[in-house]
Amino acid sequence: MFVYRHKVHYYETDRMGVTHHSNYIRFMEEARVAYLEAIGAGYSAMEASGIISPVIGVEASYKHTTTFDDEIDIEVFLRSMTTFKLKIGYVMRCGDKVVFEGTSLHCFLNPAGKPVSIADHYPQFREHMK
């Protein structure tokens, strides 16, 4: 299991003093980048092999609020992967409380924006994701 920790910054809160909902999507990206790097499948290596992987969908379920200085532990894990798409799952906790659950869906494209097979263009990626 991979866990990334994010400490909520003051600027990430809104007028009510809670973490603005849009920041959780950013936290997902921070955690995903760290996760892929940790398993040896980072974006730099992927892009060096000629593949980009944009977000094509996000699901978000907000469970509890967080505030300035809270530490959020973000569990990141593979939900599913096909030849052309990748789905990553996230569970965010503040202490023992689940505050957010979500997923991000990604596709694999060449630099011209055309779909490519991850197995054909970057076969090591599949191995890292196991």
N, C-alpha and C. Protein backbone atom coordinates (compact mmCIF):
# COMPACT_ATOMS: atom_id res chain seq x y z
N MET A 1 0.85 -1.19 0.00
CA MET A 1 0.00 0.00 0.00
C MET A 1 0.89 1.24 0.00
N PHE A 2 0.54 2.21 -0.83
CA PHE A 2 1.28 3.46 -0.91
C PHE A 2 0.45 4.56 -0.26
N VAL A 3 1.08 5.34 0.63
CA VAL A 3 0.40 6.45 1.29
C VAL A 3 1.24 7.70 1.14
N TYR A 4 0.60 8.75 0.69
CA TYR A 4 1.21 10.07 0.52
C TYR A 4 0.60 11.00 1.56
N ARG A 5 1.39 11.84 2.19
CA ARG A 5 0.87 12.77 3.19
C ARG A 5 0.89 14.19 2.66
N HIS A 6 -0.25 14.87 2.85
CA HIS A 6 -0.36 16.28 2.48
C HIS A 6 -0.83 17.06 3.71
N LYS A 7 -0.10 18.12 4.03
CA LYS A 7 -0.50 19.01 5.11
C LYS A 7 -1.25 20.19 4.51
N VAL A 8 -2.44 20.45 4.98
CA VAL A 8 -3.28 21.50 4.41
C VAL A 8 -2.67 22.87 4.70
N HIS A 9 -2.48 23.64 3.63
CA HIS A 9 -1.95 24.99 3.72
C HIS A 9 -3.09 25.99 3.92
N TYR A 10 -2.77 27.10 4.50
CA TYR A 10 -3.79 28.14 4.74
C TYR A 10 -4.49 28.56 3.46
N TYR A 11 -3.72 28.73 2.38
CA TYR A 11 -4.31 29.19 1.12
C TYR A 11 -5.24 28.15 0.49
N GLU A 12 -5.22 26.93 0.98
CA GLU A 12 -6.10 25.88 0.45
C GLU A 12 -7.47 25.87 1.13
N THR A 13 -7.65 26.76 2.09
CA THR A 13 -8.93 26.84 2.79
C THR A 13 -9.77 27.98 2.23
N ASP A 14 -11.06 27.90 2.51
CA ASP A 14 -11.96 28.95 2.02
C ASP A 14 -12.35 29.89 3.16
N ARG A 15 -13.27 30.76 2.90
CA ARG A 15 -13.68 31.76 3.89
C ARG A 15 -14.25 31.13 5.17
N MET A 16 -14.76 29.92 5.04
CA MET A 16 -15.32 29.22 6.21
C MET A 16 -14.24 28.48 7.00
N GLY A 17 -12.99 28.51 6.49
CA GLY A 17 -11.90 27.86 7.21
C GLY A 17 -11.72 26.39 6.90
N VAL A 18 -12.45 25.87 5.91
CA VAL A 18 -12.30 24.47 5.54
C VAL A 18 -11.57 24.36 4.20
N THR A 19 -10.96 23.22 3.98
CA THR A 19 -10.26 22.98 2.73
C THR A 19 -11.25 23.07 1.58
N HIS A 20 -10.95 23.92 0.60
CA HIS A 20 -11.84 24.09 -0.55
C HIS A 20 -11.91 22.78 -1.32
N HIS A 21 -13.11 22.42 -1.76
CA HIS A 21 -13.34 21.12 -2.39
C HIS A 21 -12.45 20.89 -3.62
N SER A 22 -12.12 21.94 -4.35
CA SER A 22 -11.31 21.77 -5.57
C SER A 22 -9.90 21.28 -5.26
N ASN A 23 -9.42 21.55 -4.07
CA ASN A 23 -8.06 21.14 -3.73
C ASN A 23 -7.89 19.63 -3.62
N TYR A 24 -8.95 18.91 -3.32
CA TYR A 24 -8.84 17.46 -3.21
C TYR A 24 -8.43 16.84 -4.55
N ILE A 25 -8.85 17.46 -5.65
CA ILE A 25 -8.45 16.98 -6.97
C ILE A 25 -6.94 17.20 -7.15
N ARG A 26 -6.45 18.33 -6.69
CA ARG A 26 -5.00 18.59 -6.72
C ARG A 26 -4.25 17.60 -5.84
N PHE A 27 -4.82 17.30 -4.66
CA PHE A 27 -4.18 16.33 -3.76
C PHE A 27 -4.09 14.96 -4.43
N MET A 28 -5.14 14.61 -5.20
CA MET A 28 -5.10 13.35 -5.94
C MET A 28 -3.91 13.33 -6.89
N GLU A 29 -3.70 14.44 -7.60
CA GLU A 29 -2.59 14.50 -8.55
C GLU A 29 -1.25 14.42 -7.85
N GLU A 30 -1.08 15.15 -6.77
CA GLU A 30 0.17 15.09 -6.01
C GLU A 30 0.47 13.66 -5.59
N ALA A 31 -0.54 13.00 -5.05
CA ALA A 31 -0.36 11.64 -4.56
C ALA A 31 -0.10 10.66 -5.71
N ARG A 32 -0.81 10.83 -6.83
CA ARG A 32 -0.63 9.95 -7.99
C ARG A 32 0.78 10.07 -8.55
N VAL A 33 1.28 11.29 -8.69
CA VAL A 33 2.63 11.50 -9.21
C VAL A 33 3.65 10.84 -8.28
N ALA A 34 3.48 11.00 -6.99
CA ALA A 34 4.39 10.37 -6.01
C ALA A 34 4.30 8.84 -6.07
N TYR A 35 3.10 8.32 -6.19
CA TYR A 35 2.87 6.87 -6.28
C TYR A 35 3.56 6.29 -7.50
N LEU A 36 3.32 6.87 -8.67
CA LEU A 36 3.93 6.35 -9.89
C LEU A 36 5.45 6.41 -9.82
N GLU A 37 5.97 7.48 -9.26
CA GLU A 37 7.42 7.60 -9.10
C GLU A 37 7.95 6.52 -8.16
N ALA A 38 7.24 6.28 -7.06
CA ALA A 38 7.68 5.30 -6.06
C ALA A 38 7.72 3.88 -6.62
N ILE A 39 6.83 3.57 -7.55
CA ILE A 39 6.81 2.20 -8.09
C ILE A 39 7.65 2.08 -9.37
N GLY A 40 8.34 3.16 -9.74
CA GLY A 40 9.23 3.11 -10.88
C GLY A 40 8.56 3.38 -12.22
N ALA A 41 7.36 3.95 -12.19
CA ALA A 41 6.60 4.20 -13.42
C ALA A 41 6.24 5.68 -13.53
N GLY A 42 7.14 6.55 -13.14
CA GLY A 42 6.85 7.97 -13.08
C GLY A 42 6.55 8.60 -14.43
N TYR A 43 5.96 9.77 -14.36
CA TYR A 43 5.58 10.49 -15.57
C TYR A 43 6.78 10.83 -16.44
N SER A 44 7.92 11.13 -15.84
CA SER A 44 9.10 11.47 -16.64
C SER A 44 9.50 10.31 -17.54
N ALA A 45 9.53 9.10 -16.97
CA ALA A 45 9.88 7.92 -17.77
C ALA A 45 8.82 7.64 -18.83
N MET A 46 7.56 7.79 -18.44
CA MET A 46 6.47 7.55 -19.40
C MET A 46 6.57 8.53 -20.57
N GLU A 47 6.77 9.79 -20.26
CA GLU A 47 6.84 10.80 -21.31
C GLU A 47 8.10 10.64 -22.16
N ALA A 48 9.18 10.17 -21.54
CA ALA A 48 10.41 9.91 -22.31
C ALA A 48 10.20 8.77 -23.31
N SER A 49 9.26 7.87 -23.00
CA SER A 49 8.96 6.78 -23.92
C SER A 49 7.94 7.19 -24.98
N GLY A 50 7.51 8.45 -24.95
CA GLY A 50 6.61 8.96 -25.97
C GLY A 50 5.13 8.84 -25.64
N ILE A 51 4.81 8.71 -24.36
CA ILE A 51 3.41 8.57 -23.96
C ILE A 51 3.05 9.67 -22.97
N ILE A 52 1.89 10.27 -23.19
CA ILE A 52 1.32 11.18 -22.20
C ILE A 52 0.04 10.54 -21.69
N SER A 53 -0.37 10.92 -20.50
CA SER A 53 -1.51 10.26 -19.87
C SER A 53 -2.41 11.28 -19.19
N PRO A 54 -3.24 11.96 -19.97
CA PRO A 54 -4.12 12.98 -19.39
C PRO A 54 -5.26 12.38 -18.59
N VAL A 55 -5.78 13.17 -17.69
CA VAL A 55 -6.98 12.80 -16.93
C VAL A 55 -8.17 12.97 -17.87
N ILE A 56 -9.01 11.93 -17.95
CA ILE A 56 -10.22 12.02 -18.77
C ILE A 56 -11.48 11.88 -17.93
N GLY A 57 -11.32 11.66 -16.64
CA GLY A 57 -12.47 11.59 -15.76
C GLY A 57 -12.05 11.57 -14.30
N VAL A 58 -12.91 12.13 -13.46
CA VAL A 58 -12.67 12.15 -12.01
C VAL A 58 -13.98 11.87 -11.30
N GLU A 59 -13.91 11.05 -10.28
CA GLU A 59 -15.05 10.84 -9.38
C GLU A 59 -14.59 11.28 -8.00
N ALA A 60 -15.45 11.98 -7.28
CA ALA A 60 -15.09 12.50 -5.97
C ALA A 60 -16.26 12.36 -5.01
N SER A 61 -15.96 11.87 -3.81
CA SER A 61 -16.97 11.77 -2.76
C SER A 61 -16.37 12.35 -1.48
N TYR A 62 -16.95 13.48 -1.07
CA TYR A 62 -16.45 14.20 0.10
C TYR A 62 -17.16 13.67 1.34
N LYS A 63 -16.41 13.21 2.31
CA LYS A 63 -16.98 12.57 3.51
C LYS A 63 -16.99 13.49 4.73
N HIS A 64 -15.89 14.20 4.96
CA HIS A 64 -15.75 15.11 6.10
C HIS A 64 -14.83 16.26 5.68
N THR A 65 -14.95 17.37 6.36
CA THR A 65 -14.10 18.51 6.06
C THR A 65 -12.74 18.36 6.73
N THR A 66 -11.77 19.09 6.16
CA THR A 66 -10.47 19.25 6.80
C THR A 66 -10.20 20.75 6.87
N THR A 67 -9.23 21.12 7.69
CA THR A 67 -8.92 22.53 7.89
C THR A 67 -7.41 22.76 7.86
N PHE A 68 -7.03 24.02 7.93
CA PHE A 68 -5.63 24.42 7.94
C PHE A 68 -4.84 23.60 8.96
N ASP A 69 -3.68 23.14 8.54
CA ASP A 69 -2.72 22.38 9.33
C ASP A 69 -3.09 20.91 9.51
N ASP A 70 -4.26 20.47 9.04
CA ASP A 70 -4.57 19.04 9.10
C ASP A 70 -3.60 18.28 8.21
N GLU A 71 -3.26 17.07 8.63
CA GLU A 71 -2.44 16.19 7.81
C GLU A 71 -3.35 15.12 7.22
N ILE A 72 -3.35 15.06 5.91
CA ILE A 72 -4.21 14.11 5.20
C ILE A 72 -3.33 13.00 4.64
N ASP A 73 -3.60 11.77 5.02
CA ASP A 73 -2.90 10.62 4.46
C ASP A 73 -3.72 10.12 3.28
N ILE A 74 -3.08 10.04 2.13
CA ILE A 74 -3.76 9.69 0.88
C ILE A 74 -3.26 8.32 0.42
N GLU A 75 -4.12 7.34 0.52
CA GLU A 75 -3.82 6.01 0.00
C GLU A 75 -4.10 6.02 -1.49
N VAL A 76 -3.14 5.57 -2.27
CA VAL A 76 -3.26 5.54 -3.73
C VAL A 76 -3.10 4.10 -4.19
N PHE A 77 -3.96 3.66 -5.11
CA PHE A 77 -3.89 2.28 -5.56
C PHE A 77 -4.47 2.13 -6.97
N LEU A 78 -4.04 1.09 -7.64
CA LEU A 78 -4.54 0.78 -8.97
C LEU A 78 -5.95 0.20 -8.85
N ARG A 79 -6.91 0.81 -9.53
CA ARG A 79 -8.27 0.27 -9.59
C ARG A 79 -8.41 -0.68 -10.77
N SER A 80 -7.92 -0.23 -11.94
CA SER A 80 -7.98 -1.08 -13.13
C SER A 80 -7.05 -0.51 -14.20
N MET A 81 -6.68 -1.38 -15.13
CA MET A 81 -5.87 -0.93 -16.25
C MET A 81 -6.18 -1.80 -17.45
N THR A 82 -6.37 -1.15 -18.58
CA THR A 82 -6.53 -1.84 -19.86
C THR A 82 -5.38 -1.39 -20.76
N THR A 83 -5.41 -1.81 -21.98
CA THR A 83 -4.37 -1.41 -22.94
C THR A 83 -4.34 0.09 -23.15
N PHE A 84 -5.52 0.75 -23.04
CA PHE A 84 -5.61 2.16 -23.38
C PHE A 84 -5.98 3.08 -22.21
N LYS A 85 -6.37 2.51 -21.07
CA LYS A 85 -6.82 3.34 -19.95
C LYS A 85 -6.31 2.84 -18.61
N LEU A 86 -6.23 3.78 -17.67
CA LEU A 86 -5.76 3.52 -16.32
C LEU A 86 -6.71 4.19 -15.33
N LYS A 87 -7.13 3.46 -14.31
CA LYS A 87 -7.99 4.04 -13.27
C LYS A 87 -7.27 3.89 -11.93
N ILE A 88 -7.07 5.03 -11.26
CA ILE A 88 -6.40 5.08 -9.96
C ILE A 88 -7.42 5.42 -8.88
N GLY A 89 -7.32 4.75 -7.73
CA GLY A 89 -8.20 5.02 -6.60
C GLY A 89 -7.48 5.77 -5.50
N TYR A 90 -8.26 6.51 -4.72
CA TYR A 90 -7.72 7.33 -3.63
C TYR A 90 -8.65 7.25 -2.42
N VAL A 91 -8.07 7.07 -1.26
CA VAL A 91 -8.80 7.21 0.00
C VAL A 91 -7.98 8.17 0.86
N MET A 92 -8.62 9.27 1.28
CA MET A 92 -7.92 10.27 2.09
C MET A 92 -8.45 10.19 3.51
N ARG A 93 -7.51 10.17 4.45
CA ARG A 93 -7.87 10.10 5.87
C ARG A 93 -7.18 11.22 6.63
N CYS A 94 -7.90 11.74 7.60
CA CYS A 94 -7.34 12.68 8.56
C CYS A 94 -7.51 11.99 9.91
N GLY A 95 -6.40 11.49 10.44
CA GLY A 95 -6.50 10.63 11.62
C GLY A 95 -7.18 9.34 11.21
N ASP A 96 -8.18 8.94 11.98
CA ASP A 96 -8.91 7.71 11.69
C ASP A 96 -10.13 7.94 10.80
N LYS A 97 -10.39 9.19 10.45
CA LYS A 97 -11.60 9.54 9.72
C LYS A 97 -11.34 9.61 8.21
N VAL A 98 -12.16 8.88 7.43
CA VAL A 98 -12.09 9.01 5.98
C VAL A 98 -12.74 10.33 5.61
N VAL A 99 -11.99 11.18 4.90
CA VAL A 99 -12.51 12.50 4.53
C VAL A 99 -12.87 12.60 3.05
N PHE A 100 -12.33 11.68 2.23
CA PHE A 100 -12.55 11.76 0.80
C PHE A 100 -12.26 10.40 0.17
N GLU A 101 -13.04 10.05 -0.83
CA GLU A 101 -12.76 8.88 -1.67
C GLU A 101 -12.94 9.30 -3.12
N GLY A 102 -12.08 8.82 -3.99
CA GLY A 102 -12.22 9.20 -5.38
C GLY A 102 -11.44 8.32 -6.32
N THR A 103 -11.62 8.59 -7.61
CA THR A 103 -10.87 7.92 -8.65
C THR A 103 -10.51 8.93 -9.73
N SER A 104 -9.45 8.62 -10.46
CA SER A 104 -9.12 9.38 -11.66
C SER A 104 -8.93 8.38 -12.79
N LEU A 105 -9.46 8.74 -13.94
CA LEU A 105 -9.36 7.89 -15.13
C LEU A 105 -8.44 8.59 -16.13
N HIS A 106 -7.52 7.83 -16.69
CA HIS A 106 -6.50 8.35 -17.60
C HIS A 106 -6.47 7.50 -18.87
N CYS A 107 -6.06 8.12 -19.96
CA CYS A 107 -5.82 7.36 -21.19
C CYS A 107 -4.35 7.50 -21.56
N PHE A 108 -3.94 6.74 -22.54
CA PHE A 108 -2.55 6.79 -23.01
C PHE A 108 -2.55 7.33 -24.43
N LEU A 109 -1.79 8.41 -24.65
CA LEU A 109 -1.74 9.07 -25.95
C LEU A 109 -0.29 9.28 -26.39
N ASN A 110 -0.10 9.39 -27.70
CA ASN A 110 1.21 9.81 -28.19
C ASN A 110 1.24 11.34 -28.15
N PRO A 111 2.40 11.95 -28.39
CA PRO A 111 2.47 13.42 -28.31
C PRO A 111 1.54 14.16 -29.28
N ALA A 112 1.09 13.47 -30.34
CA ALA A 112 0.15 14.08 -31.29
C ALA A 112 -1.29 13.97 -30.82
N GLY A 113 -1.50 13.31 -29.66
CA GLY A 113 -2.84 13.18 -29.10
C GLY A 113 -3.63 11.98 -29.59
N LYS A 114 -2.97 11.03 -30.21
CA LYS A 114 -3.63 9.81 -30.70
C LYS A 114 -3.50 8.71 -29.65
N PRO A 115 -4.58 7.93 -29.41
CA PRO A 115 -4.50 6.82 -28.45
C PRO A 115 -3.43 5.81 -28.84
N VAL A 116 -2.73 5.32 -27.82
CA VAL A 116 -1.71 4.30 -28.04
C VAL A 116 -1.87 3.19 -27.01
N SER A 117 -1.38 2.02 -27.37
CA SER A 117 -1.36 0.88 -26.47
C SER A 117 -0.18 0.99 -25.53
N ILE A 118 -0.46 0.98 -24.25
CA ILE A 118 0.62 1.04 -23.27
C ILE A 118 1.52 -0.18 -23.39
N ALA A 119 0.94 -1.33 -23.72
CA ALA A 119 1.70 -2.57 -23.85
C ALA A 119 2.69 -2.49 -25.01
N ASP A 120 2.31 -1.82 -26.08
CA ASP A 120 3.19 -1.71 -27.24
C ASP A 120 4.25 -0.63 -27.09
N HIS A 121 3.91 0.47 -26.45
CA HIS A 121 4.80 1.64 -26.42
C HIS A 121 5.61 1.80 -25.13
N TYR A 122 5.14 1.18 -24.06
CA TYR A 122 5.86 1.29 -22.79
C TYR A 122 5.53 0.05 -21.94
N PRO A 123 5.98 -1.13 -22.39
CA PRO A 123 5.59 -2.39 -21.74
C PRO A 123 6.01 -2.48 -20.26
N GLN A 124 7.08 -1.78 -19.89
CA GLN A 124 7.52 -1.82 -18.49
C GLN A 124 6.46 -1.25 -17.55
N PHE A 125 5.64 -0.34 -18.05
CA PHE A 125 4.62 0.30 -17.22
C PHE A 125 3.70 -0.74 -16.60
N ARG A 126 3.24 -1.68 -17.40
CA ARG A 126 2.34 -2.73 -16.91
C ARG A 126 3.01 -3.54 -15.80
N GLU A 127 4.29 -3.80 -15.96
CA GLU A 127 5.03 -4.56 -14.94
C GLU A 127 5.10 -3.79 -13.63
N HIS A 128 5.33 -2.49 -13.71
CA HIS A 128 5.42 -1.66 -12.50
C HIS A 128 4.07 -1.61 -11.77
N MET A 129 2.99 -1.68 -12.52
CA MET A 129 1.65 -1.51 -11.94
C MET A 129 1.14 -2.78 -11.26
N LYS A 130 1.84 -3.90 -11.37
CA LYS A 130 1.38 -5.15 -10.76
C LYS A 130 1.62 -5.16 -9.28
